[in-house]
């Protein structure tokens, strides 16, 4: 029987978009709980939790809208990285890194590409977790743009590392694995980053982002 979170095609069940969003919220909530336990009971308030969960949900939905999908993993999406970056921009590095890791876990559930456990850690936990680097720029002038660039560069570094170590054998003849990995990962990450930055530079969008940050933090 199908419902809001599950669909049934007559043979098997699969998650619906709200189902994936629910998983994103649950993963983030678990990470918040772990952080509270490890951090001597320091809790994240209700508003940050709600706004972060909403941003993760939007990241999941927009990640499914793929402008271009690469053959060995990676894709240009509808600014999905931005929504994860926003969490760090709003609430700082700790919450941002947790949100990035939660998003990486969800991407592993949504679209897994598995060669080995180390590859999974680098591609999903470290690479997407790096999107939380935006939190180190949350209080700075032009912090969203700077944080987004830092976050994308962080993800790029881990993606290149994964490409060299785990996918270097697929490099074309007479091309080094490093050059192949930089060009491959730079193509889709760079394209989405440029698209997102152009959108963020639109005055109306910048004003809207400032307004949303005030709502999220006041």
Protein backbone atom coordinates (compact mmCIF):
# COMPACT_ATOMS: atom_id res chain seq x y z
CA UNK A 1 0.00 0.00 0.00
CA UNK A 2 1.40 3.40 -0.97
CA UNK A 3 1.43 6.38 1.38
CA UNK A 4 3.09 9.79 1.72
CA UNK A 5 6.53 8.31 2.35
CA UNK A 6 6.44 5.04 0.42
CA UNK A 7 5.26 4.04 -3.03
CA UNK A 8 4.49 0.52 -4.20
CA UNK A 9 4.80 -0.47 -7.85
CA UNK A 10 3.24 -3.91 -7.43
CA UNK A 11 6.53 -5.65 -6.70
CA UNK A 12 8.54 -3.54 -4.27
CA UNK A 13 8.42 -0.43 -2.12
CA UNK A 14 10.46 2.71 -2.75
CA UNK A 15 10.76 6.02 -0.95
CA UNK A 16 8.89 9.06 -2.22
CA UNK A 17 10.42 12.56 -2.14
CA UNK A 18 8.80 13.30 1.27
CA UNK A 19 10.24 9.97 2.40
CA UNK A 20 13.75 11.04 1.50
CA UNK A 21 13.18 14.38 3.21
CA UNK A 22 12.05 12.55 6.35
CA UNK A 23 15.23 10.46 6.29
CA UNK A 24 17.29 13.65 5.95
CA UNK A 25 15.59 15.10 9.02
CA UNK A 26 16.06 11.90 11.02
CA UNK A 27 19.75 11.62 10.11
CA UNK A 28 20.34 15.23 11.09
CA UNK A 29 18.44 14.74 14.36
CA UNK A 30 20.59 11.71 15.21
CA UNK A 31 23.75 13.71 14.56
CA UNK A 32 22.44 16.52 16.75
CA UNK A 33 21.78 14.00 19.53
CA UNK A 34 25.26 12.53 19.22
CA UNK A 35 26.74 16.02 19.27
CA UNK A 36 24.79 16.87 22.40
CA UNK A 37 26.05 13.75 24.15
CA UNK A 38 29.66 14.26 23.10
CA UNK A 39 29.51 18.00 23.71
CA UNK A 40 28.55 17.67 27.39
CA UNK A 41 24.85 18.18 26.79
CA UNK A 42 25.08 21.33 24.68
CA UNK A 43 21.91 21.30 22.61
CA UNK A 44 20.80 22.91 19.38
CA UNK A 45 17.66 24.99 19.78
CA UNK A 46 14.33 24.28 18.15
CA UNK A 47 14.60 27.04 15.55
CA UNK A 48 18.04 25.97 14.23
CA UNK A 49 16.82 22.38 14.07
CA UNK A 50 13.69 23.34 12.10
CA UNK A 51 15.51 25.64 9.68
CA UNK A 52 18.34 23.15 9.19
CA UNK A 53 15.91 20.33 8.52
CA UNK A 54 14.05 22.48 6.00
CA UNK A 55 17.30 23.38 4.23
CA UNK A 56 18.36 19.73 4.10
CA UNK A 57 14.99 18.83 2.67
CA UNK A 58 15.39 21.45 -0.07
CA UNK A 59 18.92 20.18 -0.74
CA UNK A 60 17.57 16.67 -1.23
CA UNK A 61 14.80 17.79 -3.57
CA UNK A 62 17.07 20.00 -5.70
CA UNK A 63 19.75 17.29 -5.84
CA UNK A 64 17.23 15.17 -7.72
CA UNK A 65 16.92 17.87 -10.41
CA UNK A 66 20.05 17.09 -12.41
CA UNK A 67 21.05 19.37 -15.26
CA UNK A 68 23.88 16.98 -16.16
CA UNK A 69 24.92 13.64 -14.66
CA UNK A 70 28.51 12.43 -15.00
CA UNK A 71 29.21 8.79 -15.93
CA UNK A 72 31.41 7.98 -12.90
CA UNK A 73 29.42 9.90 -10.31
CA UNK A 74 28.79 13.58 -9.71
CA UNK A 75 26.27 15.88 -11.34
CA UNK A 76 25.27 19.48 -11.92
CA UNK A 77 22.13 20.06 -9.87
CA UNK A 78 19.74 22.93 -9.24
CA UNK A 79 21.97 24.65 -6.64
CA UNK A 80 21.60 21.79 -4.14
CA UNK A 81 24.95 22.53 -2.46
CA UNK A 82 23.75 26.02 -1.57
CA UNK A 83 21.06 24.75 0.78
CA UNK A 84 23.58 22.73 2.79
CA UNK A 85 26.01 25.67 2.80
CA UNK A 86 23.26 27.92 4.18
CA UNK A 87 23.08 25.89 7.39
CA UNK A 88 26.71 26.59 8.22
CA UNK A 89 26.27 30.22 7.18
CA UNK A 90 23.37 30.56 9.60
CA UNK A 91 24.62 28.62 12.60
CA UNK A 92 28.38 28.19 12.36
CA UNK A 93 30.83 25.41 11.67
CA UNK A 94 29.65 22.75 14.15
CA UNK A 95 26.06 22.67 12.92
CA UNK A 96 27.22 23.15 9.34
CA UNK A 97 29.58 20.18 9.44
CA UNK A 98 26.92 17.97 11.01
CA UNK A 99 24.47 19.01 8.30
CA UNK A 100 27.04 18.26 5.60
CA UNK A 101 27.69 14.80 7.01
CA UNK A 102 23.94 14.16 7.28
CA UNK A 103 23.53 15.20 3.65
CA UNK A 104 26.40 12.92 2.63
CA UNK A 105 24.78 9.97 4.39
CA UNK A 106 21.53 10.67 2.61
CA UNK A 107 23.25 10.93 -0.77
CA UNK A 108 24.80 7.54 -0.06
CA UNK A 109 21.31 6.16 0.54
CA UNK A 110 19.88 7.91 -2.53
CA UNK A 111 22.57 7.22 -5.10
CA UNK A 112 25.34 4.95 -3.76
CA UNK A 113 28.50 4.30 -5.75
CA UNK A 114 30.56 1.78 -3.83
CA UNK A 115 34.06 0.53 -4.52
CA UNK A 116 35.31 0.22 -0.94
CA UNK A 117 34.69 1.57 2.54
CA UNK A 118 37.49 4.18 2.29
CA UNK A 119 36.04 5.39 -1.01
CA UNK A 120 32.58 5.72 0.57
CA UNK A 121 34.04 7.73 3.45
CA UNK A 122 35.91 10.10 1.15
CA UNK A 123 33.12 10.52 -1.42
CA UNK A 124 30.17 10.82 0.93
CA UNK A 125 31.24 11.69 4.48
CA UNK A 126 34.29 13.88 3.93
CA UNK A 127 33.34 15.45 0.59
CA UNK A 128 29.78 16.41 1.53
CA UNK A 129 30.80 17.13 5.12
CA UNK A 130 33.16 19.77 3.72
CA UNK A 131 30.10 21.80 2.70
CA UNK A 132 29.90 22.72 6.37
CA UNK A 133 33.08 24.77 6.01
CA UNK A 134 30.76 27.67 5.23
CA UNK A 135 30.24 27.93 8.96
CA UNK A 136 33.69 29.46 9.44
CA UNK A 137 32.49 32.50 7.45
CA UNK A 138 29.09 32.94 9.08
CA UNK A 139 29.96 36.23 10.78
CA UNK A 140 32.07 37.76 8.03
CA UNK A 141 31.25 40.34 5.39
CA UNK A 142 30.10 38.58 2.21
CA UNK A 143 30.14 35.45 4.35
CA UNK A 144 27.69 33.53 2.18
CA UNK A 145 29.72 33.94 -1.00
CA UNK A 146 33.03 33.27 0.77
CA UNK A 147 31.58 30.34 2.69
CA UNK A 148 30.09 28.83 -0.44
CA UNK A 149 33.41 29.07 -2.28
CA UNK A 150 35.26 27.51 0.67
CA UNK A 151 32.67 24.74 0.93
CA UNK A 152 32.83 23.88 -2.77
CA UNK A 153 36.64 23.93 -2.70
CA UNK A 154 36.57 21.59 0.27
CA UNK A 155 34.30 19.18 -1.54
CA UNK A 156 36.45 19.53 -4.65
CA UNK A 157 39.63 18.58 -2.74
CA UNK A 158 38.07 15.36 -1.46
CA UNK A 159 36.53 14.58 -4.84
CA UNK A 160 39.91 14.98 -6.51
CA UNK A 161 41.55 12.84 -3.84
CA UNK A 162 38.97 10.13 -4.43
CA UNK A 163 39.48 10.38 -8.17
CA UNK A 164 43.23 9.92 -7.88
CA UNK A 165 43.12 7.07 -5.37
CA UNK A 166 40.03 5.12 -6.38
CA UNK A 167 39.28 6.08 -9.99
CA UNK A 168 42.72 6.83 -11.40
CA UNK A 169 42.61 3.66 -13.50
CA UNK A 170 39.87 5.23 -15.62
CA UNK A 171 42.06 8.14 -16.70
CA UNK A 172 42.55 8.29 -20.49
CA UNK A 173 45.81 7.02 -21.87
CA UNK A 174 48.69 9.49 -21.53
CA UNK A 175 46.79 11.52 -18.89
CA UNK A 176 47.83 11.45 -15.25
CA UNK A 177 45.18 10.46 -12.68
CA UNK A 178 45.56 13.85 -10.99
CA UNK A 179 44.87 15.82 -14.17
CA UNK A 180 41.97 13.52 -14.99
CA UNK A 181 40.47 13.88 -11.52
CA UNK A 182 40.88 17.66 -11.43
CA UNK A 183 39.28 18.10 -14.86
CA UNK A 184 36.49 15.58 -14.22
CA UNK A 185 35.45 16.88 -10.80
CA UNK A 186 36.14 20.49 -11.68
CA UNK A 187 33.75 20.27 -14.62
CA UNK A 188 30.55 19.57 -12.69
CA UNK A 189 31.46 21.24 -9.39
CA UNK A 190 32.78 24.33 -11.14
CA UNK A 191 29.72 24.64 -13.36
CA UNK A 192 27.29 24.40 -10.45
CA UNK A 193 29.40 26.73 -8.33
CA UNK A 194 29.50 29.41 -11.03
CA UNK A 195 25.77 29.10 -11.64
CA UNK A 196 25.04 29.41 -7.92
CA UNK A 197 27.37 32.37 -7.38
CA UNK A 198 25.83 34.22 -10.32
CA UNK A 199 22.39 33.72 -8.76
CA UNK A 200 23.63 34.85 -5.34
CA UNK A 201 25.06 38.04 -6.84
CA UNK A 202 21.62 39.14 -8.02
CA UNK A 203 20.65 42.00 -5.65
CA UNK A 204 17.15 40.68 -5.02
CA UNK A 205 18.52 37.24 -4.15
CA UNK A 206 21.15 38.69 -1.80
CA UNK A 207 18.44 40.71 -0.06
CA UNK A 208 16.27 37.61 0.27
CA UNK A 209 19.18 35.59 1.70
CA UNK A 210 19.86 38.30 4.29
CA UNK A 211 16.20 38.26 5.26
CA UNK A 212 16.14 34.47 5.62
CA UNK A 213 19.27 34.58 7.80
CA UNK A 214 17.60 37.08 10.11
CA UNK A 215 14.57 34.81 10.36
CA UNK A 216 16.80 31.82 11.09
CA UNK A 217 18.97 33.43 13.71
CA UNK A 218 16.89 36.04 15.55
